[in-house]
N, C-alpha and C. Protein backbone atom coordinates (compact mmCIF):
# COMPACT_ATOMS: atom_id res chain seq x y z
N MET A 1 0.84 -1.19 0.00
CA MET A 1 0.00 0.00 0.00
C MET A 1 0.88 1.24 0.00
N SER A 2 0.63 2.16 -0.88
CA SER A 2 1.45 3.36 -0.93
C SER A 2 1.09 4.30 0.19
N ALA A 3 2.07 5.08 0.63
CA ALA A 3 1.84 6.01 1.73
C ALA A 3 1.00 7.18 1.26
N ARG A 4 0.10 7.62 2.10
CA ARG A 4 -0.72 8.80 1.81
C ARG A 4 -0.60 9.73 3.00
N LEU A 5 0.12 10.82 2.82
CA LEU A 5 0.34 11.75 3.91
C LEU A 5 -0.81 12.74 3.98
N THR A 6 -1.21 13.07 5.20
CA THR A 6 -2.26 14.07 5.39
C THR A 6 -1.62 15.33 5.91
N ALA A 7 -2.02 16.45 5.37
CA ALA A 7 -1.48 17.73 5.80
C ALA A 7 -2.42 18.34 6.81
N GLY A 8 -1.98 18.43 8.05
CA GLY A 8 -2.80 19.02 9.08
C GLY A 8 -3.82 18.05 9.62
N PRO A 9 -4.78 18.56 10.40
CA PRO A 9 -5.79 17.70 11.04
C PRO A 9 -6.63 16.95 10.02
N VAL A 10 -7.09 15.77 10.42
CA VAL A 10 -7.98 14.98 9.57
C VAL A 10 -9.35 15.66 9.53
N PRO A 11 -9.94 15.87 8.34
CA PRO A 11 -11.26 16.51 8.26
C PRO A 11 -12.31 15.77 9.08
N ALA A 12 -13.29 16.50 9.58
CA ALA A 12 -14.30 15.92 10.45
C ALA A 12 -15.05 14.77 9.78
N ALA A 13 -15.37 14.91 8.50
CA ALA A 13 -16.11 13.85 7.81
C ALA A 13 -15.29 12.56 7.74
N ASP A 14 -13.99 12.70 7.50
CA ASP A 14 -13.12 11.52 7.44
C ASP A 14 -12.97 10.89 8.82
N ARG A 15 -12.91 11.73 9.85
CA ARG A 15 -12.83 11.19 11.21
C ARG A 15 -14.09 10.41 11.54
N ALA A 16 -15.23 10.96 11.19
CA ALA A 16 -16.50 10.28 11.48
C ALA A 16 -16.56 8.93 10.80
N ARG A 17 -16.12 8.86 9.55
CA ARG A 17 -16.13 7.58 8.83
C ARG A 17 -15.18 6.58 9.49
N THR A 18 -14.02 7.05 9.88
CA THR A 18 -13.06 6.18 10.56
C THR A 18 -13.63 5.66 11.87
N PHE A 19 -14.20 6.56 12.67
CA PHE A 19 -14.74 6.16 13.98
C PHE A 19 -15.91 5.19 13.82
N GLN A 20 -16.77 5.43 12.82
CA GLN A 20 -17.93 4.56 12.63
C GLN A 20 -17.49 3.15 12.22
N LEU A 21 -16.55 3.07 11.30
CA LEU A 21 -16.07 1.76 10.88
C LEU A 21 -15.32 1.05 12.00
N ALA A 22 -14.50 1.80 12.74
CA ALA A 22 -13.76 1.20 13.86
C ALA A 22 -14.73 0.67 14.91
N SER A 23 -15.79 1.41 15.17
CA SER A 23 -16.81 0.98 16.12
C SER A 23 -17.40 -0.36 15.70
N LEU A 24 -17.73 -0.47 14.42
CA LEU A 24 -18.34 -1.70 13.91
C LEU A 24 -17.35 -2.87 13.95
N LEU A 25 -16.11 -2.62 13.54
CA LEU A 25 -15.13 -3.69 13.42
C LEU A 25 -14.57 -4.15 14.75
N LEU A 26 -14.76 -3.36 15.79
CA LEU A 26 -14.30 -3.76 17.12
C LEU A 26 -15.38 -4.53 17.89
N THR A 27 -16.49 -4.81 17.24
CA THR A 27 -17.50 -5.67 17.87
C THR A 27 -17.24 -7.12 17.48
N TYR A 28 -17.88 -8.02 18.20
CA TYR A 28 -17.69 -9.45 17.93
C TYR A 28 -18.08 -9.77 16.48
N PRO A 29 -17.22 -10.47 15.76
CA PRO A 29 -17.49 -10.76 14.34
C PRO A 29 -18.54 -11.86 14.17
N ASP A 30 -19.79 -11.49 14.32
CA ASP A 30 -20.87 -12.47 14.17
C ASP A 30 -21.14 -12.70 12.68
N ALA A 31 -22.11 -13.54 12.40
CA ALA A 31 -22.39 -13.92 11.01
C ALA A 31 -22.78 -12.70 10.17
N GLU A 32 -23.53 -11.78 10.76
CA GLU A 32 -23.96 -10.59 10.01
C GLU A 32 -22.77 -9.73 9.60
N LEU A 33 -21.84 -9.52 10.53
CA LEU A 33 -20.67 -8.70 10.21
C LEU A 33 -19.81 -9.39 9.16
N LEU A 34 -19.58 -10.68 9.33
CA LEU A 34 -18.73 -11.40 8.40
C LEU A 34 -19.33 -11.48 7.00
N ALA A 35 -20.65 -11.49 6.92
CA ALA A 35 -21.31 -11.54 5.61
C ALA A 35 -21.24 -10.21 4.88
N ALA A 36 -20.87 -9.15 5.58
CA ALA A 36 -20.83 -7.82 4.99
C ALA A 36 -19.46 -7.47 4.42
N GLY A 37 -18.64 -8.48 4.14
CA GLY A 37 -17.28 -8.24 3.66
C GLY A 37 -17.18 -7.26 2.49
N PRO A 38 -17.91 -7.46 1.41
CA PRO A 38 -17.81 -6.54 0.27
C PRO A 38 -18.19 -5.10 0.64
N GLU A 39 -19.23 -4.94 1.43
CA GLU A 39 -19.64 -3.59 1.85
C GLU A 39 -18.58 -2.95 2.75
N LEU A 40 -17.99 -3.75 3.63
CA LEU A 40 -16.94 -3.23 4.50
C LEU A 40 -15.73 -2.80 3.69
N ARG A 41 -15.37 -3.61 2.70
CA ARG A 41 -14.22 -3.26 1.85
C ARG A 41 -14.46 -1.93 1.14
N GLU A 42 -15.66 -1.74 0.64
CA GLU A 42 -15.98 -0.49 -0.05
C GLU A 42 -15.95 0.69 0.91
N ALA A 43 -16.52 0.51 2.11
CA ALA A 43 -16.57 1.60 3.08
C ALA A 43 -15.18 1.96 3.60
N ALA A 44 -14.28 0.97 3.67
CA ALA A 44 -12.94 1.20 4.23
C ALA A 44 -11.94 1.73 3.22
N ALA A 45 -12.34 1.82 1.95
CA ALA A 45 -11.42 2.26 0.90
C ALA A 45 -10.81 3.61 1.25
N GLY A 46 -9.48 3.68 1.23
CA GLY A 46 -8.79 4.94 1.49
C GLY A 46 -8.48 5.21 2.94
N ILE A 47 -8.93 4.35 3.85
CA ILE A 47 -8.63 4.54 5.27
C ILE A 47 -7.54 3.56 5.66
N ASP A 48 -6.31 4.03 5.71
CA ASP A 48 -5.18 3.16 6.01
C ASP A 48 -5.35 2.54 7.39
N GLY A 49 -5.00 1.31 7.49
CA GLY A 49 -5.20 0.58 8.74
C GLY A 49 -6.53 -0.15 8.69
N ILE A 50 -7.61 0.57 8.51
CA ILE A 50 -8.93 -0.05 8.41
C ILE A 50 -8.98 -0.95 7.17
N GLU A 51 -8.43 -0.47 6.06
CA GLU A 51 -8.39 -1.28 4.84
C GLU A 51 -7.70 -2.61 5.09
N GLY A 52 -6.53 -2.55 5.73
CA GLY A 52 -5.76 -3.76 5.98
C GLY A 52 -6.50 -4.73 6.89
N PHE A 53 -7.17 -4.19 7.91
CA PHE A 53 -7.91 -5.07 8.80
C PHE A 53 -9.06 -5.76 8.08
N VAL A 54 -9.79 -5.02 7.25
CA VAL A 54 -10.92 -5.61 6.54
C VAL A 54 -10.45 -6.75 5.64
N GLU A 55 -9.31 -6.57 4.99
CA GLU A 55 -8.79 -7.65 4.14
C GLU A 55 -8.48 -8.89 4.97
N TRP A 56 -7.91 -8.69 6.15
CA TRP A 56 -7.65 -9.83 7.04
C TRP A 56 -8.96 -10.51 7.44
N LEU A 57 -9.96 -9.71 7.79
CA LEU A 57 -11.24 -10.25 8.24
C LEU A 57 -11.91 -11.06 7.14
N ILE A 58 -11.85 -10.55 5.91
CA ILE A 58 -12.47 -11.26 4.79
C ILE A 58 -11.76 -12.58 4.52
N ALA A 59 -10.44 -12.59 4.68
CA ALA A 59 -9.67 -13.80 4.38
C ALA A 59 -9.81 -14.86 5.46
N ALA A 60 -10.13 -14.46 6.69
CA ALA A 60 -10.23 -15.41 7.80
C ALA A 60 -11.52 -16.22 7.70
N THR A 61 -11.49 -17.44 8.21
CA THR A 61 -12.72 -18.22 8.31
C THR A 61 -13.51 -17.69 9.50
N PRO A 62 -14.83 -17.91 9.55
CA PRO A 62 -15.61 -17.42 10.68
C PRO A 62 -15.07 -17.89 12.03
N ILE A 63 -14.72 -19.14 12.14
CA ILE A 63 -14.23 -19.64 13.43
C ILE A 63 -12.90 -19.02 13.79
N GLU A 64 -12.03 -18.78 12.80
CA GLU A 64 -10.75 -18.12 13.06
C GLU A 64 -10.98 -16.69 13.56
N ALA A 65 -11.85 -15.95 12.89
CA ALA A 65 -12.11 -14.56 13.27
C ALA A 65 -12.72 -14.48 14.66
N GLN A 66 -13.67 -15.35 14.95
CA GLN A 66 -14.34 -15.30 16.25
C GLN A 66 -13.42 -15.74 17.38
N ARG A 67 -12.63 -16.78 17.14
CA ARG A 67 -11.69 -17.23 18.17
C ARG A 67 -10.64 -16.15 18.44
N HIS A 68 -10.17 -15.51 17.38
CA HIS A 68 -9.16 -14.47 17.55
C HIS A 68 -9.70 -13.28 18.34
N TYR A 69 -10.95 -12.92 18.08
CA TYR A 69 -11.56 -11.80 18.82
C TYR A 69 -11.62 -12.13 20.31
N VAL A 70 -12.10 -13.31 20.65
CA VAL A 70 -12.22 -13.70 22.06
C VAL A 70 -10.85 -13.73 22.72
N GLU A 71 -9.87 -14.30 22.04
CA GLU A 71 -8.52 -14.38 22.61
C GLU A 71 -7.91 -12.99 22.79
N THR A 72 -8.24 -12.08 21.90
CA THR A 72 -7.65 -10.75 21.95
C THR A 72 -8.29 -9.87 23.02
N PHE A 73 -9.61 -9.84 23.08
CA PHE A 73 -10.28 -8.87 23.95
C PHE A 73 -10.92 -9.45 25.20
N ASP A 74 -11.30 -10.70 25.18
CA ASP A 74 -12.00 -11.28 26.32
C ASP A 74 -11.08 -12.02 27.28
N LEU A 75 -9.96 -12.51 26.79
CA LEU A 75 -9.08 -13.33 27.62
C LEU A 75 -7.82 -12.60 28.07
N ARG A 76 -7.63 -11.37 27.63
CA ARG A 76 -6.44 -10.60 28.02
C ARG A 76 -6.87 -9.29 28.66
N ARG A 77 -6.59 -9.14 29.94
CA ARG A 77 -6.98 -7.93 30.65
C ARG A 77 -6.32 -6.69 30.07
N ARG A 78 -5.08 -6.83 29.61
CA ARG A 78 -4.36 -5.66 29.10
C ARG A 78 -4.92 -5.13 27.80
N SER A 79 -5.73 -5.91 27.11
CA SER A 79 -6.32 -5.42 25.87
C SER A 79 -7.84 -5.45 25.94
N GLY A 80 -8.37 -5.11 27.10
CA GLY A 80 -9.81 -4.98 27.24
C GLY A 80 -10.31 -3.72 26.55
N LEU A 81 -11.58 -3.71 26.21
CA LEU A 81 -12.17 -2.60 25.45
C LEU A 81 -12.87 -1.57 26.34
N TYR A 82 -12.77 -1.74 27.67
CA TYR A 82 -13.45 -0.81 28.59
C TYR A 82 -12.45 0.26 29.04
N LEU A 83 -12.62 1.47 28.51
CA LEU A 83 -11.58 2.49 28.62
C LEU A 83 -11.36 3.01 30.03
N THR A 84 -12.41 3.12 30.84
CA THR A 84 -12.21 3.70 32.17
C THR A 84 -11.36 2.80 33.07
N TYR A 85 -11.29 1.51 32.75
CA TYR A 85 -10.48 0.62 33.58
C TYR A 85 -9.01 1.01 33.56
N TYR A 86 -8.51 1.43 32.39
CA TYR A 86 -7.09 1.75 32.27
C TYR A 86 -6.69 2.87 33.22
N LEU A 87 -7.57 3.85 33.38
CA LEU A 87 -7.23 5.01 34.20
C LEU A 87 -7.64 4.84 35.66
N HIS A 88 -8.75 4.16 35.91
CA HIS A 88 -9.30 4.13 37.26
C HIS A 88 -9.31 2.75 37.91
N GLY A 89 -9.05 1.69 37.16
CA GLY A 89 -9.16 0.36 37.74
C GLY A 89 -10.59 0.13 38.22
N ASP A 90 -10.76 -0.78 39.17
CA ASP A 90 -12.08 -1.05 39.74
C ASP A 90 -12.26 -0.24 41.02
N THR A 91 -12.33 1.07 40.87
CA THR A 91 -12.44 1.97 42.01
C THR A 91 -13.71 2.81 41.90
N ARG A 92 -13.97 3.58 42.94
CA ARG A 92 -15.14 4.47 42.91
C ARG A 92 -15.01 5.51 41.80
N LYS A 93 -13.78 5.92 41.52
CA LYS A 93 -13.58 6.91 40.47
C LYS A 93 -14.05 6.36 39.12
N ARG A 94 -13.90 5.06 38.93
CA ARG A 94 -14.39 4.49 37.69
C ARG A 94 -15.91 4.58 37.62
N GLY A 95 -16.58 4.34 38.73
CA GLY A 95 -18.03 4.46 38.75
C GLY A 95 -18.48 5.86 38.40
N MET A 96 -17.78 6.87 38.90
CA MET A 96 -18.12 8.25 38.58
C MET A 96 -17.87 8.54 37.10
N ALA A 97 -16.75 8.00 36.57
CA ALA A 97 -16.45 8.22 35.16
C ALA A 97 -17.52 7.59 34.27
N LEU A 98 -18.00 6.42 34.63
CA LEU A 98 -19.06 5.77 33.87
C LEU A 98 -20.35 6.59 33.92
N LEU A 99 -20.66 7.12 35.10
CA LEU A 99 -21.86 7.94 35.24
C LEU A 99 -21.78 9.19 34.38
N MET A 100 -20.63 9.83 34.36
CA MET A 100 -20.45 11.04 33.54
C MET A 100 -20.62 10.74 32.06
N LEU A 101 -20.12 9.59 31.62
CA LEU A 101 -20.30 9.21 30.23
C LEU A 101 -21.77 8.99 29.91
N LYS A 102 -22.48 8.30 30.81
CA LYS A 102 -23.91 8.06 30.60
C LYS A 102 -24.67 9.38 30.47
N GLN A 103 -24.34 10.32 31.35
CA GLN A 103 -25.01 11.62 31.32
C GLN A 103 -24.72 12.36 30.03
N ARG A 104 -23.48 12.26 29.54
CA ARG A 104 -23.12 12.91 28.28
C ARG A 104 -23.92 12.30 27.12
N TYR A 105 -24.05 10.99 27.12
CA TYR A 105 -24.79 10.33 26.05
C TYR A 105 -26.27 10.72 26.09
N ARG A 106 -26.85 10.72 27.30
CA ARG A 106 -28.27 11.07 27.43
C ARG A 106 -28.53 12.48 26.96
N ALA A 107 -27.60 13.37 27.22
CA ALA A 107 -27.77 14.77 26.80
C ALA A 107 -27.85 14.89 25.28
N GLN A 108 -27.28 13.91 24.57
CA GLN A 108 -27.31 13.92 23.11
C GLN A 108 -28.35 12.94 22.55
N GLY A 109 -29.17 12.36 23.45
CA GLY A 109 -30.23 11.47 23.00
C GLY A 109 -29.81 10.05 22.73
N LEU A 110 -28.60 9.65 23.20
CA LEU A 110 -28.14 8.28 22.98
C LEU A 110 -28.47 7.43 24.19
N HIS A 111 -29.14 6.32 23.97
CA HIS A 111 -29.49 5.41 25.05
C HIS A 111 -28.79 4.07 24.83
N LEU A 112 -28.14 3.57 25.85
CA LEU A 112 -27.39 2.33 25.75
C LEU A 112 -28.32 1.12 25.81
N ALA A 113 -27.88 0.04 25.20
CA ALA A 113 -28.61 -1.21 25.30
C ALA A 113 -28.50 -1.74 26.73
N ASP A 114 -29.44 -2.55 27.13
CA ASP A 114 -29.43 -3.11 28.48
C ASP A 114 -28.11 -3.84 28.75
N GLY A 115 -27.49 -3.49 29.88
CA GLY A 115 -26.25 -4.14 30.28
C GLY A 115 -25.01 -3.63 29.59
N GLU A 116 -25.13 -2.69 28.68
CA GLU A 116 -23.98 -2.16 27.95
C GLU A 116 -23.35 -1.02 28.73
N LEU A 117 -22.04 -1.08 28.93
CA LEU A 117 -21.34 -0.04 29.66
C LEU A 117 -20.94 1.10 28.72
N PRO A 118 -20.99 2.33 29.20
CA PRO A 118 -20.73 3.48 28.32
C PRO A 118 -19.27 3.66 27.92
N ASP A 119 -18.34 2.97 28.61
CA ASP A 119 -16.93 3.15 28.27
C ASP A 119 -16.42 2.10 27.29
N LEU A 120 -17.29 1.22 26.80
CA LEU A 120 -16.89 0.25 25.79
C LEU A 120 -16.43 1.01 24.55
N LEU A 121 -15.25 0.73 24.07
CA LEU A 121 -14.68 1.52 22.98
C LEU A 121 -15.58 1.60 21.75
N PRO A 122 -16.21 0.53 21.29
CA PRO A 122 -17.12 0.69 20.15
C PRO A 122 -18.26 1.68 20.41
N VAL A 123 -18.73 1.75 21.65
CA VAL A 123 -19.78 2.72 22.00
C VAL A 123 -19.22 4.14 21.94
N VAL A 124 -18.04 4.34 22.50
CA VAL A 124 -17.41 5.66 22.51
C VAL A 124 -17.15 6.13 21.07
N LEU A 125 -16.71 5.22 20.22
CA LEU A 125 -16.45 5.55 18.82
C LEU A 125 -17.73 5.87 18.07
N GLU A 126 -18.80 5.11 18.33
CA GLU A 126 -20.08 5.39 17.68
C GLU A 126 -20.61 6.76 18.09
N PHE A 127 -20.44 7.10 19.36
CA PHE A 127 -20.86 8.41 19.84
C PHE A 127 -20.10 9.51 19.12
N ALA A 128 -18.78 9.34 18.98
CA ALA A 128 -17.96 10.34 18.30
C ALA A 128 -18.39 10.49 16.84
N ALA A 129 -18.68 9.37 16.17
CA ALA A 129 -19.07 9.42 14.77
C ALA A 129 -20.44 10.07 14.59
N THR A 130 -21.34 9.82 15.54
CA THR A 130 -22.72 10.31 15.41
C THR A 130 -22.84 11.79 15.78
N VAL A 131 -22.23 12.17 16.89
CA VAL A 131 -22.39 13.54 17.40
C VAL A 131 -21.37 14.48 16.77
N GLY A 132 -20.18 13.96 16.45
CA GLY A 132 -19.19 14.77 15.75
C GLY A 132 -18.24 15.52 16.66
N PRO A 133 -17.50 16.47 16.08
CA PRO A 133 -16.50 17.22 16.84
C PRO A 133 -17.12 17.89 18.06
N GLY A 134 -16.25 18.21 19.01
CA GLY A 134 -16.74 18.83 20.23
C GLY A 134 -17.20 17.78 21.21
N ASP A 135 -18.49 17.81 21.56
CA ASP A 135 -19.03 16.88 22.55
C ASP A 135 -18.87 15.42 22.14
N GLY A 136 -19.04 15.13 20.86
CA GLY A 136 -18.97 13.75 20.40
C GLY A 136 -17.60 13.13 20.55
N GLU A 137 -16.57 13.89 20.25
CA GLU A 137 -15.20 13.36 20.30
C GLU A 137 -14.54 13.55 21.66
N ALA A 138 -15.18 14.30 22.55
CA ALA A 138 -14.58 14.56 23.86
C ALA A 138 -14.23 13.29 24.64
N PRO A 139 -15.11 12.26 24.69
CA PRO A 139 -14.73 11.06 25.43
C PRO A 139 -13.48 10.36 24.88
N LEU A 140 -13.28 10.41 23.57
CA LEU A 140 -12.08 9.83 23.00
C LEU A 140 -10.84 10.58 23.48
N ARG A 141 -10.94 11.91 23.51
CA ARG A 141 -9.80 12.70 23.98
C ARG A 141 -9.55 12.48 25.47
N GLN A 142 -10.63 12.40 26.24
CA GLN A 142 -10.50 12.22 27.68
C GLN A 142 -9.88 10.87 28.04
N HIS A 143 -10.12 9.88 27.21
CA HIS A 143 -9.62 8.53 27.49
C HIS A 143 -8.50 8.13 26.53
N ARG A 144 -7.78 9.13 26.06
CA ARG A 144 -6.69 8.85 25.11
C ARG A 144 -5.62 7.95 25.73
N GLN A 145 -5.36 8.11 27.02
CA GLN A 145 -4.33 7.27 27.65
C GLN A 145 -4.70 5.79 27.54
N GLY A 146 -5.96 5.48 27.83
CA GLY A 146 -6.41 4.10 27.71
C GLY A 146 -6.34 3.59 26.28
N ILE A 147 -6.68 4.45 25.33
CA ILE A 147 -6.63 4.06 23.93
C ILE A 147 -5.20 3.75 23.52
N GLU A 148 -4.24 4.58 23.97
CA GLU A 148 -2.84 4.34 23.62
C GLU A 148 -2.32 3.06 24.27
N LEU A 149 -2.73 2.79 25.51
CA LEU A 149 -2.31 1.55 26.17
C LEU A 149 -2.88 0.33 25.45
N LEU A 150 -4.14 0.42 25.05
CA LEU A 150 -4.75 -0.68 24.30
C LEU A 150 -4.03 -0.88 22.98
N ARG A 151 -3.74 0.19 22.31
CA ARG A 151 -3.03 0.11 21.02
C ARG A 151 -1.68 -0.57 21.18
N ALA A 152 -0.93 -0.19 22.21
CA ALA A 152 0.38 -0.80 22.44
C ALA A 152 0.26 -2.28 22.76
N ALA A 153 -0.74 -2.63 23.57
CA ALA A 153 -0.94 -4.03 23.93
C ALA A 153 -1.30 -4.87 22.69
N LEU A 154 -2.08 -4.31 21.78
CA LEU A 154 -2.44 -5.03 20.56
C LEU A 154 -1.22 -5.21 19.66
N HIS A 155 -0.37 -4.20 19.60
CA HIS A 155 0.86 -4.35 18.81
C HIS A 155 1.77 -5.42 19.42
N GLU A 156 1.79 -5.52 20.72
CA GLU A 156 2.64 -6.53 21.36
C GLU A 156 2.27 -7.94 20.92
N THR A 157 0.99 -8.17 20.71
CA THR A 157 0.54 -9.52 20.32
C THR A 157 0.42 -9.66 18.80
N SER A 158 0.79 -8.61 18.06
CA SER A 158 0.78 -8.66 16.58
C SER A 158 -0.58 -9.03 16.02
N THR A 159 -1.63 -8.55 16.65
CA THR A 159 -2.97 -8.82 16.15
C THR A 159 -3.36 -7.80 15.08
N PRO A 160 -4.09 -8.21 14.05
CA PRO A 160 -4.58 -7.24 13.06
C PRO A 160 -5.45 -6.14 13.67
N TYR A 161 -6.01 -6.38 14.85
CA TYR A 161 -6.83 -5.34 15.49
C TYR A 161 -6.01 -4.10 15.82
N ALA A 162 -4.69 -4.22 15.90
CA ALA A 162 -3.86 -3.05 16.12
C ALA A 162 -4.00 -2.04 14.98
N LEU A 163 -4.28 -2.52 13.77
CA LEU A 163 -4.47 -1.62 12.64
C LEU A 163 -5.64 -0.68 12.86
N ILE A 164 -6.70 -1.18 13.51
CA ILE A 164 -7.86 -0.33 13.78
C ILE A 164 -7.49 0.78 14.77
N LEU A 165 -6.76 0.41 15.82
CA LEU A 165 -6.35 1.42 16.80
C LEU A 165 -5.39 2.43 16.19
N ASP A 166 -4.54 1.98 15.26
CA ASP A 166 -3.66 2.92 14.57
C ASP A 166 -4.48 3.96 13.81
N ALA A 167 -5.53 3.50 13.14
CA ALA A 167 -6.37 4.43 12.37
C ALA A 167 -7.10 5.40 13.28
N VAL A 168 -7.60 4.91 14.42
CA VAL A 168 -8.28 5.79 15.38
C VAL A 168 -7.32 6.84 15.91
N CYS A 169 -6.12 6.42 16.30
CA CYS A 169 -5.14 7.37 16.85
C CYS A 169 -4.71 8.38 15.80
N ALA A 170 -4.61 7.95 14.54
CA ALA A 170 -4.23 8.86 13.47
C ALA A 170 -5.27 9.96 13.27
N ALA A 171 -6.52 9.68 13.62
CA ALA A 171 -7.60 10.66 13.46
C ALA A 171 -7.72 11.61 14.64
N LEU A 172 -7.03 11.29 15.73
CA LEU A 172 -7.09 12.11 16.94
C LEU A 172 -5.95 13.13 16.95
N PRO A 173 -6.06 14.17 17.78
CA PRO A 173 -4.98 15.16 17.85
C PRO A 173 -3.65 14.54 18.27
N ASP A 174 -2.56 15.16 17.86
CA ASP A 174 -1.23 14.71 18.26
C ASP A 174 -1.11 14.75 19.78
N LEU A 175 -0.37 13.80 20.32
CA LEU A 175 -0.08 13.81 21.75
C LEU A 175 1.03 14.80 22.07
N THR A 176 0.90 15.46 23.19
CA THR A 176 1.96 16.33 23.68
C THR A 176 2.99 15.49 24.43
N ASP A 177 4.11 16.10 24.76
CA ASP A 177 5.11 15.40 25.58
C ASP A 177 4.53 15.00 26.92
N ALA A 178 3.70 15.87 27.49
CA ALA A 178 3.06 15.56 28.77
C ALA A 178 2.13 14.36 28.64
N ASP A 179 1.41 14.29 27.52
CA ASP A 179 0.53 13.15 27.28
C ASP A 179 1.33 11.85 27.22
N ARG A 180 2.44 11.88 26.49
CA ARG A 180 3.26 10.67 26.36
C ARG A 180 3.81 10.24 27.71
N ALA A 181 4.21 11.22 28.51
CA ALA A 181 4.74 10.89 29.83
C ALA A 181 3.66 10.26 30.70
N ALA A 182 2.43 10.77 30.60
CA ALA A 182 1.33 10.22 31.39
C ALA A 182 1.00 8.80 30.96
N VAL A 183 1.03 8.54 29.65
CA VAL A 183 0.76 7.20 29.15
C VAL A 183 1.84 6.23 29.62
N SER A 184 3.10 6.66 29.55
CA SER A 184 4.19 5.79 29.99
C SER A 184 4.10 5.49 31.47
N ALA A 185 3.73 6.51 32.28
CA ALA A 185 3.59 6.30 33.72
C ALA A 185 2.46 5.33 34.02
N LEU A 186 1.35 5.47 33.33
CA LEU A 186 0.22 4.58 33.55
C LEU A 186 0.56 3.15 33.13
N ALA A 187 1.32 3.02 32.04
CA ALA A 187 1.73 1.69 31.59
C ALA A 187 2.63 1.03 32.62
N SER A 188 3.47 1.82 33.27
CA SER A 188 4.41 1.27 34.25
C SER A 188 3.73 0.94 35.57
N GLU A 189 2.83 1.82 36.01
CA GLU A 189 2.23 1.68 37.34
C GLU A 189 0.97 0.82 37.34
N GLY A 190 0.26 0.76 36.22
CA GLY A 190 -1.01 0.06 36.19
C GLY A 190 -2.11 0.91 36.81
N PRO A 191 -3.34 0.39 36.85
CA PRO A 191 -4.46 1.12 37.45
C PRO A 191 -4.24 1.32 38.95
N PRO A 192 -5.09 2.09 39.62
CA PRO A 192 -4.96 2.30 41.06
C PRO A 192 -4.92 0.99 41.83
N VAL A 193 -4.34 1.03 43.03
CA VAL A 193 -4.05 -0.19 43.78
C VAL A 193 -5.29 -0.98 44.18
N GLU A 194 -6.47 -0.35 44.19
CA GLU A 194 -7.68 -1.09 44.50
C GLU A 194 -8.04 -2.07 43.38
N ALA A 195 -7.47 -1.83 42.19
CA ALA A 195 -7.85 -2.61 41.03
C ALA A 195 -7.09 -3.92 40.98
N VAL A 196 -7.61 -4.81 40.13
CA VAL A 196 -6.95 -6.08 39.90
C VAL A 196 -5.63 -5.86 39.17
N GLY A 197 -5.61 -4.91 38.24
CA GLY A 197 -4.38 -4.61 37.51
C GLY A 197 -4.45 -5.09 36.08
N LEU A 198 -3.47 -4.70 35.30
CA LEU A 198 -3.38 -5.13 33.92
C LEU A 198 -2.51 -6.38 33.88
N ASP A 199 -3.15 -7.54 33.94
CA ASP A 199 -2.49 -8.84 34.05
C ASP A 199 -1.79 -8.98 35.39
N SER A 200 -0.89 -8.09 35.73
CA SER A 200 -0.32 -8.02 37.07
C SER A 200 -0.02 -6.56 37.33
N VAL A 201 -0.29 -6.09 38.55
CA VAL A 201 -0.17 -4.67 38.84
C VAL A 201 1.25 -4.21 38.57
N GLY A 202 1.37 -3.08 37.89
CA GLY A 202 2.67 -2.50 37.62
C GLY A 202 3.27 -2.93 36.30
N LEU A 203 2.65 -3.88 35.62
CA LEU A 203 3.19 -4.33 34.34
C LEU A 203 2.23 -3.92 33.23
N GLY A 204 2.58 -2.86 32.54
CA GLY A 204 1.79 -2.43 31.41
C GLY A 204 2.51 -2.78 30.13
N PRO A 205 1.89 -2.53 28.97
CA PRO A 205 2.54 -2.84 27.71
C PRO A 205 3.76 -1.96 27.49
N ASP A 206 4.75 -2.48 26.78
CA ASP A 206 5.96 -1.73 26.47
C ASP A 206 5.64 -0.76 25.35
N LEU A 207 5.66 0.54 25.66
CA LEU A 207 5.28 1.56 24.68
C LEU A 207 6.43 1.99 23.79
N SER A 208 7.65 1.64 24.16
CA SER A 208 8.81 2.21 23.48
C SER A 208 8.85 1.97 21.97
N PRO A 209 8.44 0.78 21.47
CA PRO A 209 8.51 0.61 20.01
C PRO A 209 7.39 1.31 19.26
N TYR A 210 6.40 1.85 19.96
CA TYR A 210 5.22 2.37 19.30
C TYR A 210 4.99 3.83 19.67
N PRO A 211 5.70 4.76 19.02
CA PRO A 211 5.49 6.18 19.33
C PRO A 211 4.05 6.55 19.08
N ALA A 212 3.54 7.46 19.89
CA ALA A 212 2.12 7.83 19.79
C ALA A 212 1.80 8.30 18.39
N CYS A 213 0.65 7.87 17.91
CA CYS A 213 0.23 8.15 16.55
C CYS A 213 -0.16 9.61 16.41
N SER A 214 0.16 10.22 15.29
CA SER A 214 -0.26 11.57 14.97
C SER A 214 -1.22 11.50 13.82
N SER A 215 -1.52 12.64 13.23
CA SER A 215 -2.42 12.65 12.09
C SER A 215 -1.72 12.26 10.81
N ALA A 216 -0.46 11.88 10.90
CA ALA A 216 0.25 11.41 9.73
C ALA A 216 -0.23 10.04 9.30
N GLU A 217 0.24 9.61 8.16
CA GLU A 217 -0.16 8.32 7.60
C GLU A 217 0.15 7.16 8.51
N VAL A 218 -0.80 6.23 8.59
CA VAL A 218 -0.57 4.95 9.26
C VAL A 218 -0.40 3.93 8.15
N SER A 219 0.78 3.37 8.03
CA SER A 219 1.02 2.38 6.97
C SER A 219 0.93 0.99 7.56
N ARG A 220 0.72 0.03 6.74
CA ARG A 220 0.55 -1.34 7.19
C ARG A 220 1.89 -1.92 7.60
């Protein structure tokens, strides 16, 4: 795939398309999703990272795709999709963060399905795609540390799902030096001590090989 450099921030329409597709592709690959391969390929055209993931998904057998999803997100604490856990662990602060997200969604008319938590990354991405810049993308910016930790953990296991996180990060604002320092500290220390931890407390993913993504091209 040839490199395509973007000059300046990613346009809002392109961000919305990226977030919407990432939201869909980060859900469990059930029969309906897997049957939509041609439509997904068309929708992902021109979105680096997303294109590569869709090709992998189409080439995989249903059982391979479903087993890989479970192994990636359900069996590894360090690559969970619940963003508030990375910052707050299982503490009262996490409960408050979840409540604030629910209130933000309700203010925009979004109602969660029964039992669905508001910090699930596909939900946060769908909100950003639907509501747009400002209020819609605010939760992604607020939980950028968790997104970067998840991205690094996915790269560690060489899963194609890392391509989706690369595309999401490429659509978000560049990280500052302070942001990178905060992500590195969180990776080293793990969630607050009340929490179970990321696999084991104090052991986060190694961020050093994966500099924080900017709005520049994400190549495969």
